């Protein structure tokens, strides 16, 4: 069964840090391109960062220099280190393989429940 479990979300003050984890199962993780998405109710599901099977990474402009994505293939886990958090980072964060997007939104909670990040000023 394809599944991801996101964890690590919390309520923090602006400028704080969080480390999100996504543990995957039910597919070949090692060769999967993985991404972290986020969604605020009423807004689009946004790809925040991705890490491909070869280790290459990408980030949206708003998080560059603040977020770092990484993966541990032994643990089938993707991480998102989030530093210097801002109020606009508040969202539910989801983890998914990039290829899953063509099937459904990674933010609909089908593969994982997501983890809530709340940043207050």
C-alpha atoms as a PDB file:
ATOM      1  CA  UNK A   1       0.000   0.000   0.000  1.00  0.00           C
ATOM      2  CA  UNK A   2       1.404   3.347  -1.034  1.00  0.00           C
ATOM      3  CA  UNK A   3       1.578   5.537   2.024  1.00  0.00           C
ATOM      4  CA  UNK A   4       3.466   8.431   3.525  1.00  0.00           C
ATOM      5  CA  UNK A   5       3.445   9.607   7.105  1.00  0.00           C
ATOM      6  CA  UNK A   6       4.287  13.245   7.713  1.00  0.00           C
ATOM      7  CA  UNK A   7       5.339  14.494  11.109  1.00  0.00           C
ATOM      8  CA  UNK A   8       7.174  17.315  12.819  1.00  0.00           C
ATOM      9  CA  UNK A   9       4.711  20.139  12.384  1.00  0.00           C
ATOM     10  CA  UNK A  10       4.084  22.421  15.319  1.00  0.00           C
ATOM     11  CA  UNK A  11       3.211  25.943  16.361  1.00  0.00           C
ATOM     12  CA  UNK A  12       6.203  28.254  16.482  1.00  0.00           C
ATOM     13  CA  UNK A  13       6.946  31.935  16.549  1.00  0.00           C
ATOM     14  CA  UNK A  14       8.283  33.768  13.538  1.00  0.00           C
ATOM     15  CA  UNK A  15      11.994  33.193  13.174  1.00  0.00           C
ATOM     16  CA  UNK A  16      11.820  29.735  14.661  1.00  0.00           C
ATOM     17  CA  UNK A  17      12.675  26.397  13.109  1.00  0.00           C
ATOM     18  CA  UNK A  18      11.018  23.073  12.487  1.00  0.00           C
ATOM     19  CA  UNK A  19      12.112  19.829  10.914  1.00  0.00           C
ATOM     20  CA  UNK A  20       9.468  17.892   9.038  1.00  0.00           C
ATOM     21  CA  UNK A  21       9.782  14.188   8.342  1.00  0.00           C
ATOM     22  CA  UNK A  22       8.051  12.020   5.783  1.00  0.00           C
ATOM     23  CA  UNK A  23       8.360   8.267   6.030  1.00  0.00           C
ATOM     24  CA  UNK A  24       7.266   6.416   2.915  1.00  0.00           C
ATOM     25  CA  UNK A  25       6.214   2.862   2.200  1.00  0.00           C
ATOM     26  CA  UNK A  26       4.543   0.810  -0.494  1.00  0.00           C
ATOM     27  CA  UNK A  27       6.735   1.860  -3.421  1.00  0.00           C
ATOM     28  CA  UNK A  28      10.353   1.954  -4.489  1.00  0.00           C
ATOM     29  CA  UNK A  29      11.509   4.969  -2.558  1.00  0.00           C
ATOM     30  CA  UNK A  30      15.131   5.018  -3.678  1.00  0.00           C
ATOM     31  CA  UNK A  31      14.367   5.933  -7.289  1.00  0.00           C
ATOM     32  CA  UNK A  32      11.422   8.204  -6.557  1.00  0.00           C
ATOM     33  CA  UNK A  33      11.530  11.961  -6.931  1.00  0.00           C
ATOM     34  CA  UNK A  34       9.989  13.352  -3.775  1.00  0.00           C
ATOM     35  CA  UNK A  35       8.492  16.681  -2.873  1.00  0.00           C
ATOM     36  CA  UNK A  36       7.062  18.675  -0.025  1.00  0.00           C
ATOM     37  CA  UNK A  37       3.829  20.508  -0.736  1.00  0.00           C
ATOM     38  CA  UNK A  38       1.798  22.892   1.358  1.00  0.00           C
ATOM     39  CA  UNK A  39      -1.709  24.250   1.292  1.00  0.00           C
ATOM     40  CA  UNK A  40      -3.631  26.940   3.079  1.00  0.00           C
ATOM     41  CA  UNK A  41      -7.406  26.411   3.015  1.00  0.00           C
ATOM     42  CA  UNK A  42      -8.851  28.085  -0.054  1.00  0.00           C
ATOM     43  CA  UNK A  43      -5.530  28.261  -1.867  1.00  0.00           C
ATOM     44  CA  UNK A  44      -3.671  26.081  -4.302  1.00  0.00           C
ATOM     45  CA  UNK A  45      -1.531  23.145  -3.373  1.00  0.00           C
ATOM     46  CA  UNK A  46       1.999  24.483  -3.709  1.00  0.00           C
ATOM     47  CA  UNK A  47       5.159  22.521  -4.334  1.00  0.00           C
ATOM     48  CA  UNK A  48       7.616  23.962  -1.841  1.00  0.00           C
ATOM     49  CA  UNK A  49      10.665  21.837  -2.443  1.00  0.00           C
ATOM     50  CA  UNK A  50      11.705  18.669  -4.210  1.00  0.00           C
ATOM     51  CA  UNK A  51      14.551  16.231  -4.100  1.00  0.00           C
ATOM     52  CA  UNK A  52      15.106  13.848  -6.952  1.00  0.00           C
ATOM     53  CA  UNK A  53      16.493  10.353  -6.821  1.00  0.00           C
ATOM     54  CA  UNK A  54      19.904  11.669  -7.861  1.00  0.00           C
ATOM     55  CA  UNK A  55      19.910  14.074  -4.926  1.00  0.00           C
ATOM     56  CA  UNK A  56      19.298  17.263  -6.851  1.00  0.00           C
ATOM     57  CA  UNK A  57      17.023  19.737  -5.113  1.00  0.00           C
ATOM     58  CA  UNK A  58      14.774  22.634  -5.936  1.00  0.00           C
ATOM     59  CA  UNK A  59      12.935  25.291  -3.950  1.00  0.00           C
ATOM     60  CA  UNK A  60      10.378  27.952  -4.614  1.00  0.00           C
ATOM     61  CA  UNK A  61      11.798  31.428  -4.354  1.00  0.00           C
ATOM     62  CA  UNK A  62      10.009  32.284  -1.134  1.00  0.00           C
ATOM     63  CA  UNK A  63      11.825  29.578   0.840  1.00  0.00           C
ATOM     64  CA  UNK A  64      15.258  29.649  -0.755  1.00  0.00           C
ATOM     65  CA  UNK A  65      17.937  30.088   1.842  1.00  0.00           C
ATOM     66  CA  UNK A  66      15.564  29.142   4.636  1.00  0.00           C
ATOM     67  CA  UNK A  67      14.446  25.579   3.864  1.00  0.00           C
ATOM     68  CA  UNK A  68      16.572  22.533   3.138  1.00  0.00           C
ATOM     69  CA  UNK A  69      15.249  19.266   1.787  1.00  0.00           C
ATOM     70  CA  UNK A  70      17.098  15.995   2.257  1.00  0.00           C
ATOM     71  CA  UNK A  71      16.478  12.277   2.125  1.00  0.00           C
ATOM     72  CA  UNK A  72      17.638   9.101   3.783  1.00  0.00           C
ATOM     73  CA  UNK A  73      17.013   6.157   1.506  1.00  0.00           C
ATOM     74  CA  UNK A  74      17.872   3.646   4.215  1.00  0.00           C
ATOM     75  CA  UNK A  75      15.023   4.997   6.312  1.00  0.00           C
ATOM     76  CA  UNK A  76      12.733   5.755   3.359  1.00  0.00           C
ATOM     77  CA  UNK A  77      12.412   9.245   4.756  1.00  0.00           C
ATOM     78  CA  UNK A  78      12.395  12.764   3.346  1.00  0.00           C
ATOM     79  CA  UNK A  79      13.084  15.737   5.573  1.00  0.00           C
ATOM     80  CA  UNK A  80      12.396  19.419   5.327  1.00  0.00           C
ATOM     81  CA  UNK A  81      14.446  21.622   7.595  1.00  0.00           C
ATOM     82  CA  UNK A  82      12.616  24.914   7.952  1.00  0.00           C
ATOM     83  CA  UNK A  83      14.489  27.870   9.398  1.00  0.00           C
ATOM     84  CA  UNK A  84      13.611  31.530   9.813  1.00  0.00           C
ATOM     85  CA  UNK A  85       9.950  30.694   9.602  1.00  0.00           C
ATOM     86  CA  UNK A  86       7.499  33.381   8.573  1.00  0.00           C
ATOM     87  CA  UNK A  87       3.776  33.734   9.039  1.00  0.00           C
ATOM     88  CA  UNK A  88       3.232  33.012   5.364  1.00  0.00           C
ATOM     89  CA  UNK A  89       4.751  29.571   5.881  1.00  0.00           C
ATOM     90  CA  UNK A  90       1.688  28.596   7.884  1.00  0.00           C
ATOM     91  CA  UNK A  91       0.027  25.691   6.101  1.00  0.00           C
ATOM     92  CA  UNK A  92      -0.533  21.987   6.149  1.00  0.00           C
ATOM     93  CA  UNK A  93       2.533  20.324   4.690  1.00  0.00           C
ATOM     94  CA  UNK A  94       2.305  17.138   2.659  1.00  0.00           C
ATOM     95  CA  UNK A  95       4.848  14.763   1.221  1.00  0.00           C
ATOM     96  CA  UNK A  96       4.426  12.940  -2.072  1.00  0.00           C
ATOM     97  CA  UNK A  97       6.268  11.543  -5.022  1.00  0.00           C
ATOM     98  CA  UNK A  98       6.272  14.077  -7.835  1.00  0.00           C
ATOM     99  CA  UNK A  99       4.732  11.582 -10.242  1.00  0.00           C
ATOM    100  CA  UNK A 100       1.666  11.254  -8.063  1.00  0.00           C
ATOM    101  CA  UNK A 101       0.507  14.735  -9.020  1.00  0.00           C
ATOM    102  CA  UNK A 102      -1.024  13.468 -12.251  1.00  0.00           C
ATOM    103  CA  UNK A 103      -3.317  11.204 -10.257  1.00  0.00           C
ATOM    104  CA  UNK A 104      -4.513  13.549  -7.520  1.00  0.00           C
ATOM    105  CA  UNK A 105      -3.444  16.540  -5.514  1.00  0.00           C
ATOM    106  CA  UNK A 106      -0.775  15.723  -2.942  1.00  0.00           C
ATOM    107  CA  UNK A 107      -2.680  18.046  -0.613  1.00  0.00           C
ATOM    108  CA  UNK A 108      -5.934  16.091  -0.558  1.00  0.00           C
ATOM    109  CA  UNK A 109      -4.701  13.797   2.188  1.00  0.00           C
ATOM    110  CA  UNK A 110      -5.026  10.617   0.185  1.00  0.00           C
ATOM    111  CA  UNK A 111      -1.520   9.284   0.684  1.00  0.00           C
ATOM    112  CA  UNK A 112      -0.717  11.007   3.953  1.00  0.00           C
ATOM    113  CA  UNK A 113      -2.492  13.077   6.549  1.00  0.00           C
ATOM    114  CA  UNK A 114      -0.136  16.039   6.351  1.00  0.00           C
ATOM    115  CA  UNK A 115       1.367  17.923   9.233  1.00  0.00           C
ATOM    116  CA  UNK A 116       0.297  21.353  10.412  1.00  0.00           C
ATOM    117  CA  UNK A 117       2.815  24.165  10.606  1.00  0.00           C
ATOM    118  CA  UNK A 118       1.632  27.317  12.318  1.00  0.00           C
ATOM    119  CA  UNK A 119       3.853  30.373  12.562  1.00  0.00           C
ATOM    120  CA  UNK A 120       2.813  33.296  14.704  1.00  0.00           C
ATOM    121  CA  UNK A 121       4.303  36.758  14.897  1.00  0.00           C
END
